[in-house]
Amino acid sequence: MSASVGRGLLIAAGAVIVAAIAMAVVKMGGPGAQRQMRLDERRVQDLSRIDQELRGYFDAHKALPPDLAKLAAQPGLALPINDPDTTAPYAYQPGQNGRFRLCARFATDTAQEPTQMRDPMQLGDKQWRHPAGDHCYERDASADKS
């Protein structure tokens, strides 16, 4: 094999590698898009944890707390009640008979996320789907969570 053929093969292999990396970045999004998806996954984890704690609080007190600060102030509880990026508090609105709303501002739409990038624990969990932007979840602490 001559030097020019070897050089040509090396250049072709390099071009294929660069093209594969470029296609992966386009499909998965760049570092900024991946960061936004990770932040949204964290928001969903936080809201899910708040939901669980609100249910436990309701079971124990037969009422919902007036705000998330009171919920988070329980002894021995380290509860994330602020957005991991903006540090703004998550919105919470207690209602009647154990009903409440939990809200957050999401950067991404779960319908647009590549499935390989989503948290495997959240895949198929339809209750936490969200659009980009402000979104609220209607919950009921008195209902059996299934």
N, C-alpha and C. Protein backbone atom coordinates (compact mmCIF):
# COMPACT_ATOMS: atom_id res chain seq x y z
N MET A 1 0.85 -1.16 0.00
CA MET A 1 0.00 0.00 0.00
C MET A 1 0.90 1.23 0.00
N SER A 2 0.59 2.15 -0.88
CA SER A 2 1.43 3.35 -0.98
C SER A 2 1.06 4.35 0.09
N ALA A 3 1.93 5.29 0.32
CA ALA A 3 1.72 6.31 1.34
C ALA A 3 0.50 7.16 1.02
N SER A 4 0.26 7.43 -0.26
CA SER A 4 -0.89 8.28 -0.61
C SER A 4 -2.22 7.56 -0.36
N VAL A 5 -2.25 6.24 -0.56
CA VAL A 5 -3.48 5.48 -0.28
C VAL A 5 -3.73 5.44 1.22
N GLY A 6 -2.68 5.22 2.01
CA GLY A 6 -2.81 5.21 3.48
C GLY A 6 -3.27 6.56 4.00
N ARG A 7 -2.71 7.62 3.42
CA ARG A 7 -3.10 8.97 3.81
C ARG A 7 -4.58 9.22 3.46
N GLY A 8 -4.98 8.75 2.29
CA GLY A 8 -6.38 8.91 1.86
C GLY A 8 -7.33 8.17 2.79
N LEU A 9 -6.97 6.94 3.18
CA LEU A 9 -7.79 6.17 4.12
C LEU A 9 -7.87 6.86 5.48
N LEU A 10 -6.78 7.41 5.94
CA LEU A 10 -6.75 8.12 7.21
C LEU A 10 -7.66 9.35 7.18
N ILE A 11 -7.60 10.09 6.07
CA ILE A 11 -8.45 11.27 5.92
C ILE A 11 -9.92 10.86 5.85
N ALA A 12 -10.23 9.80 5.13
CA ALA A 12 -11.61 9.32 5.03
C ALA A 12 -12.13 8.86 6.39
N ALA A 13 -11.30 8.14 7.13
CA ALA A 13 -11.72 7.69 8.46
C ALA A 13 -11.96 8.88 9.38
N GLY A 14 -11.09 9.87 9.31
CA GLY A 14 -11.27 11.08 10.12
C GLY A 14 -12.56 11.80 9.77
N ALA A 15 -12.88 11.88 8.47
CA ALA A 15 -14.12 12.53 8.03
C ALA A 15 -15.34 11.78 8.54
N VAL A 16 -15.29 10.45 8.52
CA VAL A 16 -16.42 9.66 9.03
C VAL A 16 -16.61 9.89 10.52
N ILE A 17 -15.54 9.94 11.27
CA ILE A 17 -15.62 10.19 12.72
C ILE A 17 -16.20 11.57 13.00
N VAL A 18 -15.73 12.58 12.30
CA VAL A 18 -16.24 13.94 12.49
C VAL A 18 -17.73 13.99 12.14
N ALA A 19 -18.13 13.34 11.05
CA ALA A 19 -19.54 13.33 10.64
C ALA A 19 -20.40 12.62 11.70
N ALA A 20 -19.89 11.52 12.25
CA ALA A 20 -20.65 10.79 13.28
C ALA A 20 -20.83 11.64 14.53
N ILE A 21 -19.79 12.34 14.93
CA ILE A 21 -19.89 13.22 16.11
C ILE A 21 -20.87 14.35 15.84
N ALA A 22 -20.81 14.95 14.65
CA ALA A 22 -21.73 16.03 14.30
C ALA A 22 -23.18 15.54 14.31
N MET A 23 -23.42 14.35 13.78
CA MET A 23 -24.78 13.80 13.78
C MET A 23 -25.26 13.53 15.20
N ALA A 24 -24.40 13.05 16.06
CA ALA A 24 -24.78 12.80 17.46
C ALA A 24 -25.14 14.09 18.17
N VAL A 25 -24.36 15.15 17.94
CA VAL A 25 -24.65 16.44 18.57
C VAL A 25 -25.98 16.98 18.07
N VAL A 26 -26.25 16.86 16.76
CA VAL A 26 -27.51 17.33 16.22
C VAL A 26 -28.67 16.54 16.81
N LYS A 27 -28.56 15.23 16.88
CA LYS A 27 -29.65 14.38 17.38
C LYS A 27 -29.90 14.59 18.88
N MET A 28 -28.83 14.67 19.66
CA MET A 28 -28.98 14.76 21.11
C MET A 28 -29.02 16.20 21.60
N GLY A 29 -28.66 17.14 20.77
CA GLY A 29 -28.58 18.52 21.21
C GLY A 29 -27.19 18.80 21.73
N GLY A 30 -26.82 20.04 21.70
CA GLY A 30 -25.51 20.42 22.20
C GLY A 30 -25.48 20.42 23.72
N PRO A 31 -24.36 20.84 24.28
CA PRO A 31 -24.23 20.85 25.73
C PRO A 31 -25.29 21.71 26.42
N GLY A 32 -25.69 22.82 25.81
CA GLY A 32 -26.73 23.67 26.41
C GLY A 32 -28.07 22.96 26.47
N ALA A 33 -28.44 22.27 25.40
CA ALA A 33 -29.71 21.54 25.37
C ALA A 33 -29.69 20.40 26.37
N GLN A 34 -28.57 19.71 26.47
CA GLN A 34 -28.46 18.61 27.43
C GLN A 34 -28.56 19.13 28.87
N ARG A 35 -27.97 20.29 29.12
CA ARG A 35 -28.05 20.89 30.45
C ARG A 35 -29.50 21.23 30.79
N GLN A 36 -30.23 21.79 29.82
CA GLN A 36 -31.64 22.14 30.06
C GLN A 36 -32.47 20.88 30.34
N MET A 37 -32.19 19.80 29.62
CA MET A 37 -32.92 18.56 29.86
C MET A 37 -32.61 18.01 31.25
N ARG A 38 -31.34 18.08 31.66
CA ARG A 38 -30.97 17.61 33.01
C ARG A 38 -31.65 18.46 34.09
N LEU A 39 -31.70 19.77 33.87
CA LEU A 39 -32.38 20.64 34.84
C LEU A 39 -33.86 20.30 34.93
N ASP A 40 -34.49 20.04 33.80
CA ASP A 40 -35.91 19.66 33.82
C ASP A 40 -36.12 18.32 34.51
N GLU A 41 -35.20 17.38 34.31
CA GLU A 41 -35.30 16.10 35.01
C GLU A 41 -35.20 16.33 36.52
N ARG A 42 -34.32 17.24 36.92
CA ARG A 42 -34.18 17.58 38.34
C ARG A 42 -35.47 18.22 38.86
N ARG A 43 -36.07 19.11 38.08
CA ARG A 43 -37.33 19.74 38.49
C ARG A 43 -38.41 18.68 38.71
N VAL A 44 -38.49 17.73 37.79
CA VAL A 44 -39.49 16.65 37.93
C VAL A 44 -39.20 15.84 39.19
N GLN A 45 -37.94 15.53 39.44
CA GLN A 45 -37.58 14.78 40.66
C GLN A 45 -37.98 15.57 41.91
N ASP A 46 -37.70 16.87 41.89
CA ASP A 46 -38.06 17.72 43.03
C ASP A 46 -39.56 17.73 43.25
N LEU A 47 -40.32 17.95 42.18
CA LEU A 47 -41.78 18.01 42.30
C LEU A 47 -42.35 16.67 42.75
N SER A 48 -41.78 15.59 42.25
CA SER A 48 -42.23 14.27 42.66
C SER A 48 -41.99 14.06 44.16
N ARG A 49 -40.85 14.50 44.63
CA ARG A 49 -40.53 14.37 46.06
C ARG A 49 -41.46 15.26 46.90
N ILE A 50 -41.70 16.48 46.44
CA ILE A 50 -42.62 17.38 47.14
C ILE A 50 -44.02 16.75 47.19
N ASP A 51 -44.44 16.17 46.08
CA ASP A 51 -45.74 15.49 46.01
C ASP A 51 -45.83 14.39 47.07
N GLN A 52 -44.79 13.59 47.18
CA GLN A 52 -44.77 12.50 48.17
C GLN A 52 -44.84 13.06 49.60
N GLU A 53 -44.08 14.11 49.85
CA GLU A 53 -44.07 14.69 51.20
C GLU A 53 -45.41 15.35 51.53
N LEU A 54 -46.04 15.97 50.55
CA LEU A 54 -47.37 16.57 50.79
C LEU A 54 -48.39 15.49 51.12
N ARG A 55 -48.30 14.35 50.45
CA ARG A 55 -49.20 13.24 50.74
C ARG A 55 -48.99 12.72 52.17
N GLY A 56 -47.72 12.60 52.55
CA GLY A 56 -47.42 12.16 53.91
C GLY A 56 -47.88 13.17 54.95
N TYR A 57 -47.69 14.44 54.68
CA TYR A 57 -48.14 15.50 55.58
C TYR A 57 -49.66 15.44 55.72
N PHE A 58 -50.35 15.28 54.60
CA PHE A 58 -51.81 15.21 54.63
C PHE A 58 -52.29 14.00 55.43
N ASP A 59 -51.63 12.87 55.23
CA ASP A 59 -52.00 11.67 56.00
C ASP A 59 -51.84 11.90 57.50
N ALA A 60 -50.78 12.58 57.88
CA ALA A 60 -50.49 12.80 59.30
C ALA A 60 -51.35 13.89 59.93
N HIS A 61 -51.66 14.95 59.18
CA HIS A 61 -52.34 16.11 59.74
C HIS A 61 -53.77 16.30 59.25
N LYS A 62 -54.19 15.49 58.29
CA LYS A 62 -55.53 15.61 57.68
C LYS A 62 -55.77 17.00 57.10
N ALA A 63 -54.70 17.66 56.75
CA ALA A 63 -54.73 18.98 56.10
C ALA A 63 -53.41 19.17 55.38
N LEU A 64 -53.41 20.07 54.42
CA LEU A 64 -52.18 20.41 53.71
C LEU A 64 -51.50 21.59 54.38
N PRO A 65 -50.18 21.69 54.27
CA PRO A 65 -49.49 22.86 54.84
C PRO A 65 -49.86 24.11 54.02
N PRO A 66 -49.78 25.29 54.65
CA PRO A 66 -50.13 26.51 53.92
C PRO A 66 -49.13 26.88 52.82
N ASP A 67 -47.88 26.42 52.97
CA ASP A 67 -46.86 26.73 51.97
C ASP A 67 -45.77 25.67 52.02
N LEU A 68 -44.89 25.69 51.02
CA LEU A 68 -43.82 24.69 50.96
C LEU A 68 -42.76 24.92 52.03
N ALA A 69 -42.59 26.15 52.48
CA ALA A 69 -41.62 26.42 53.53
C ALA A 69 -42.00 25.67 54.81
N LYS A 70 -43.28 25.65 55.13
CA LYS A 70 -43.73 24.92 56.32
C LYS A 70 -43.51 23.41 56.13
N LEU A 71 -43.77 22.93 54.95
CA LEU A 71 -43.54 21.50 54.67
C LEU A 71 -42.06 21.17 54.82
N ALA A 72 -41.19 22.00 54.25
CA ALA A 72 -39.75 21.75 54.28
C ALA A 72 -39.15 21.94 55.67
N ALA A 73 -39.84 22.65 56.55
CA ALA A 73 -39.32 22.93 57.89
C ALA A 73 -39.52 21.78 58.87
N GLN A 74 -40.12 20.69 58.43
CA GLN A 74 -40.32 19.56 59.32
C GLN A 74 -38.97 18.99 59.75
N PRO A 75 -38.85 18.58 60.99
CA PRO A 75 -37.57 18.05 61.48
C PRO A 75 -37.10 16.85 60.64
N GLY A 76 -35.82 16.88 60.33
CA GLY A 76 -35.21 15.76 59.61
C GLY A 76 -35.51 15.70 58.13
N LEU A 77 -36.12 16.75 57.58
CA LEU A 77 -36.48 16.74 56.17
C LEU A 77 -35.66 17.77 55.40
N ALA A 78 -34.94 17.31 54.39
CA ALA A 78 -34.20 18.21 53.50
C ALA A 78 -34.92 18.15 52.15
N LEU A 79 -35.82 19.09 51.95
CA LEU A 79 -36.69 19.07 50.78
C LEU A 79 -36.33 20.21 49.83
N PRO A 80 -36.04 19.90 48.56
CA PRO A 80 -35.75 20.96 47.60
C PRO A 80 -37.04 21.66 47.18
N ILE A 81 -37.20 22.92 47.56
CA ILE A 81 -38.43 23.65 47.22
C ILE A 81 -38.16 24.81 46.26
N ASN A 82 -36.92 24.90 45.78
CA ASN A 82 -36.55 25.96 44.84
C ASN A 82 -36.01 25.36 43.54
N ASP A 83 -36.24 26.07 42.46
CA ASP A 83 -35.75 25.66 41.15
C ASP A 83 -34.22 25.54 41.19
N PRO A 84 -33.66 24.46 40.64
CA PRO A 84 -32.21 24.27 40.72
C PRO A 84 -31.40 25.27 39.89
N ASP A 85 -32.03 25.94 38.95
CA ASP A 85 -31.32 26.89 38.09
C ASP A 85 -31.58 28.33 38.52
N THR A 86 -32.83 28.70 38.67
CA THR A 86 -33.18 30.09 38.98
C THR A 86 -33.23 30.37 40.47
N THR A 87 -33.32 29.35 41.27
CA THR A 87 -33.52 29.38 42.73
C THR A 87 -34.87 29.99 43.13
N ALA A 88 -35.73 30.26 42.16
CA ALA A 88 -37.09 30.72 42.48
C ALA A 88 -37.85 29.56 43.13
N PRO A 89 -38.71 29.84 44.09
CA PRO A 89 -39.46 28.74 44.71
C PRO A 89 -40.44 28.12 43.73
N TYR A 90 -40.63 26.82 43.87
CA TYR A 90 -41.68 26.16 43.09
C TYR A 90 -43.01 26.71 43.57
N ALA A 91 -43.96 26.81 42.66
CA ALA A 91 -45.29 27.31 43.04
C ALA A 91 -46.11 26.16 43.63
N TYR A 92 -46.81 26.48 44.69
CA TYR A 92 -47.67 25.50 45.38
C TYR A 92 -48.93 26.22 45.79
N GLN A 93 -50.06 25.60 45.49
CA GLN A 93 -51.34 26.17 45.87
C GLN A 93 -52.19 25.08 46.53
N PRO A 94 -52.35 25.15 47.86
CA PRO A 94 -53.21 24.17 48.51
C PRO A 94 -54.67 24.47 48.19
N GLY A 95 -55.46 23.43 48.07
CA GLY A 95 -56.88 23.58 47.80
C GLY A 95 -57.70 22.90 48.88
N GLN A 96 -58.89 22.51 48.53
CA GLN A 96 -59.81 21.86 49.46
C GLN A 96 -59.68 20.34 49.38
N ASN A 97 -59.94 19.69 50.49
CA ASN A 97 -60.02 18.22 50.56
C ASN A 97 -58.77 17.51 50.04
N GLY A 98 -57.61 18.06 50.30
CA GLY A 98 -56.37 17.41 49.90
C GLY A 98 -55.90 17.72 48.49
N ARG A 99 -56.64 18.52 47.77
CA ARG A 99 -56.23 18.87 46.41
C ARG A 99 -55.20 20.01 46.46
N PHE A 100 -54.25 19.96 45.54
CA PHE A 100 -53.23 21.00 45.47
C PHE A 100 -52.65 21.07 44.07
N ARG A 101 -51.94 22.16 43.81
CA ARG A 101 -51.25 22.36 42.54
C ARG A 101 -49.76 22.56 42.82
N LEU A 102 -48.93 21.95 42.00
CA LEU A 102 -47.49 22.15 42.01
C LEU A 102 -47.10 22.66 40.63
N CYS A 103 -46.33 23.75 40.60
CA CYS A 103 -45.97 24.36 39.32
C CYS A 103 -44.47 24.62 39.23
N ALA A 104 -43.97 24.58 38.00
CA ALA A 104 -42.57 24.91 37.72
C ALA A 104 -42.49 25.46 36.31
N ARG A 105 -41.38 26.10 36.02
CA ARG A 105 -41.10 26.57 34.66
C ARG A 105 -40.07 25.62 34.07
N PHE A 106 -40.45 24.96 32.98
CA PHE A 106 -39.59 23.98 32.33
C PHE A 106 -38.95 24.58 31.08
N ALA A 107 -37.75 24.15 30.80
CA ALA A 107 -37.01 24.63 29.64
C ALA A 107 -37.30 23.80 28.40
N THR A 108 -37.73 22.56 28.59
CA THR A 108 -37.93 21.65 27.47
C THR A 108 -39.34 21.07 27.50
N ASP A 109 -39.71 20.48 26.39
CA ASP A 109 -41.00 19.79 26.24
C ASP A 109 -40.69 18.29 26.22
N THR A 110 -41.29 17.53 27.10
CA THR A 110 -41.00 16.09 27.15
C THR A 110 -41.36 15.39 25.84
N ALA A 111 -42.28 15.95 25.07
CA ALA A 111 -42.63 15.34 23.79
C ALA A 111 -41.50 15.51 22.77
N GLN A 112 -40.60 16.47 22.98
CA GLN A 112 -39.53 16.75 22.04
C GLN A 112 -38.19 16.15 22.44
N GLU A 113 -38.08 15.61 23.66
CA GLU A 113 -36.81 15.08 24.13
C GLU A 113 -36.50 13.74 23.49
N PRO A 114 -35.27 13.55 23.04
CA PRO A 114 -34.89 12.22 22.57
C PRO A 114 -34.99 11.23 23.74
N THR A 115 -35.61 10.09 23.51
CA THR A 115 -35.84 9.14 24.61
C THR A 115 -34.55 8.66 25.25
N GLN A 116 -33.45 8.61 24.51
CA GLN A 116 -32.21 8.13 25.11
C GLN A 116 -31.64 9.13 26.11
N MET A 117 -32.11 10.39 26.08
CA MET A 117 -31.59 11.39 27.00
C MET A 117 -32.42 11.50 28.28
N ARG A 118 -33.62 10.97 28.30
CA ARG A 118 -34.48 11.10 29.47
C ARG A 118 -34.03 10.18 30.58
N ASP A 119 -34.34 10.59 31.78
CA ASP A 119 -34.06 9.78 32.96
C ASP A 119 -34.86 8.48 32.86
N PRO A 120 -34.18 7.32 32.90
CA PRO A 120 -34.91 6.05 32.78
C PRO A 120 -36.00 5.89 33.83
N MET A 121 -35.84 6.53 35.01
CA MET A 121 -36.85 6.41 36.05
C MET A 121 -38.13 7.17 35.66
N GLN A 122 -38.02 8.16 34.78
CA GLN A 122 -39.17 8.96 34.38
C GLN A 122 -39.81 8.47 33.09
N LEU A 123 -39.11 7.60 32.34
CA LEU A 123 -39.68 7.10 31.10
C LEU A 123 -40.99 6.39 31.39
N GLY A 124 -41.98 6.70 30.63
CA GLY A 124 -43.27 6.06 30.81
C GLY A 124 -44.08 6.61 31.96
N ASP A 125 -43.54 7.52 32.74
CA ASP A 125 -44.27 8.11 33.85
C ASP A 125 -45.05 9.30 33.31
N LYS A 126 -46.23 9.02 32.81
CA LYS A 126 -47.04 10.03 32.13
C LYS A 126 -47.44 11.17 33.04
N GLN A 127 -47.51 10.93 34.34
CA GLN A 127 -47.98 11.97 35.24
C GLN A 127 -47.03 13.16 35.33
N TRP A 128 -45.80 13.03 34.89
CA TRP A 128 -44.84 14.13 34.97
C TRP A 128 -44.45 14.70 33.62
N ARG A 129 -45.21 14.42 32.58
CA ARG A 129 -44.95 15.03 31.28
C ARG A 129 -45.22 16.53 31.38
N HIS A 130 -44.51 17.31 30.57
CA HIS A 130 -44.68 18.77 30.63
C HIS A 130 -44.29 19.42 29.32
N PRO A 131 -44.88 20.57 29.03
CA PRO A 131 -44.43 21.38 27.89
C PRO A 131 -43.30 22.29 28.35
N ALA A 132 -42.68 22.99 27.42
CA ALA A 132 -41.72 24.02 27.79
C ALA A 132 -42.52 25.21 28.34
N GLY A 133 -41.97 25.89 29.32
CA GLY A 133 -42.64 27.04 29.92
C GLY A 133 -43.29 26.68 31.24
N ASP A 134 -44.17 27.55 31.71
CA ASP A 134 -44.85 27.32 33.00
C ASP A 134 -45.85 26.18 32.87
N HIS A 135 -45.82 25.29 33.85
CA HIS A 135 -46.74 24.15 33.83
C HIS A 135 -47.10 23.77 35.26
N CYS A 136 -48.38 23.50 35.49
CA CYS A 136 -48.85 23.09 36.81
C CYS A 136 -49.41 21.68 36.74
N TYR A 137 -49.21 20.96 37.83
CA TYR A 137 -49.76 19.61 37.99
C TYR A 137 -50.85 19.68 39.04
N GLU A 138 -52.01 19.13 38.73
CA GLU A 138 -53.12 19.05 39.68
C GLU A 138 -52.98 17.72 40.43
N ARG A 139 -52.94 17.78 41.73
CA ARG A 139 -52.75 16.59 42.55
C ARG A 139 -53.81 16.49 43.63
N ASP A 140 -53.92 15.30 44.20
CA ASP A 140 -54.88 15.07 45.28
C ASP A 140 -54.20 14.18 46.32
N ALA A 141 -53.87 14.78 47.46
CA ALA A 141 -53.18 14.04 48.52
C ALA A 141 -54.09 13.03 49.20
N SER A 142 -55.40 13.19 49.05
CA SER A 142 -56.33 12.25 49.69
C SER A 142 -56.53 11.00 48.85
N ALA A 143 -56.12 11.06 47.58
CA ALA A 143 -56.29 9.91 46.68
C ALA A 143 -55.14 8.94 46.89
N ASP A 144 -55.43 7.68 46.70
CA ASP A 144 -54.39 6.65 46.77
C ASP A 144 -53.49 6.81 45.56
N LYS A 145 -52.19 6.96 45.76
CA LYS A 145 -51.25 7.12 44.64
C LYS A 145 -50.92 5.75 44.08
N SER A 146 -51.23 5.60 42.79
CA SER A 146 -50.91 4.32 42.16
C SER A 146 -49.95 4.48 41.03
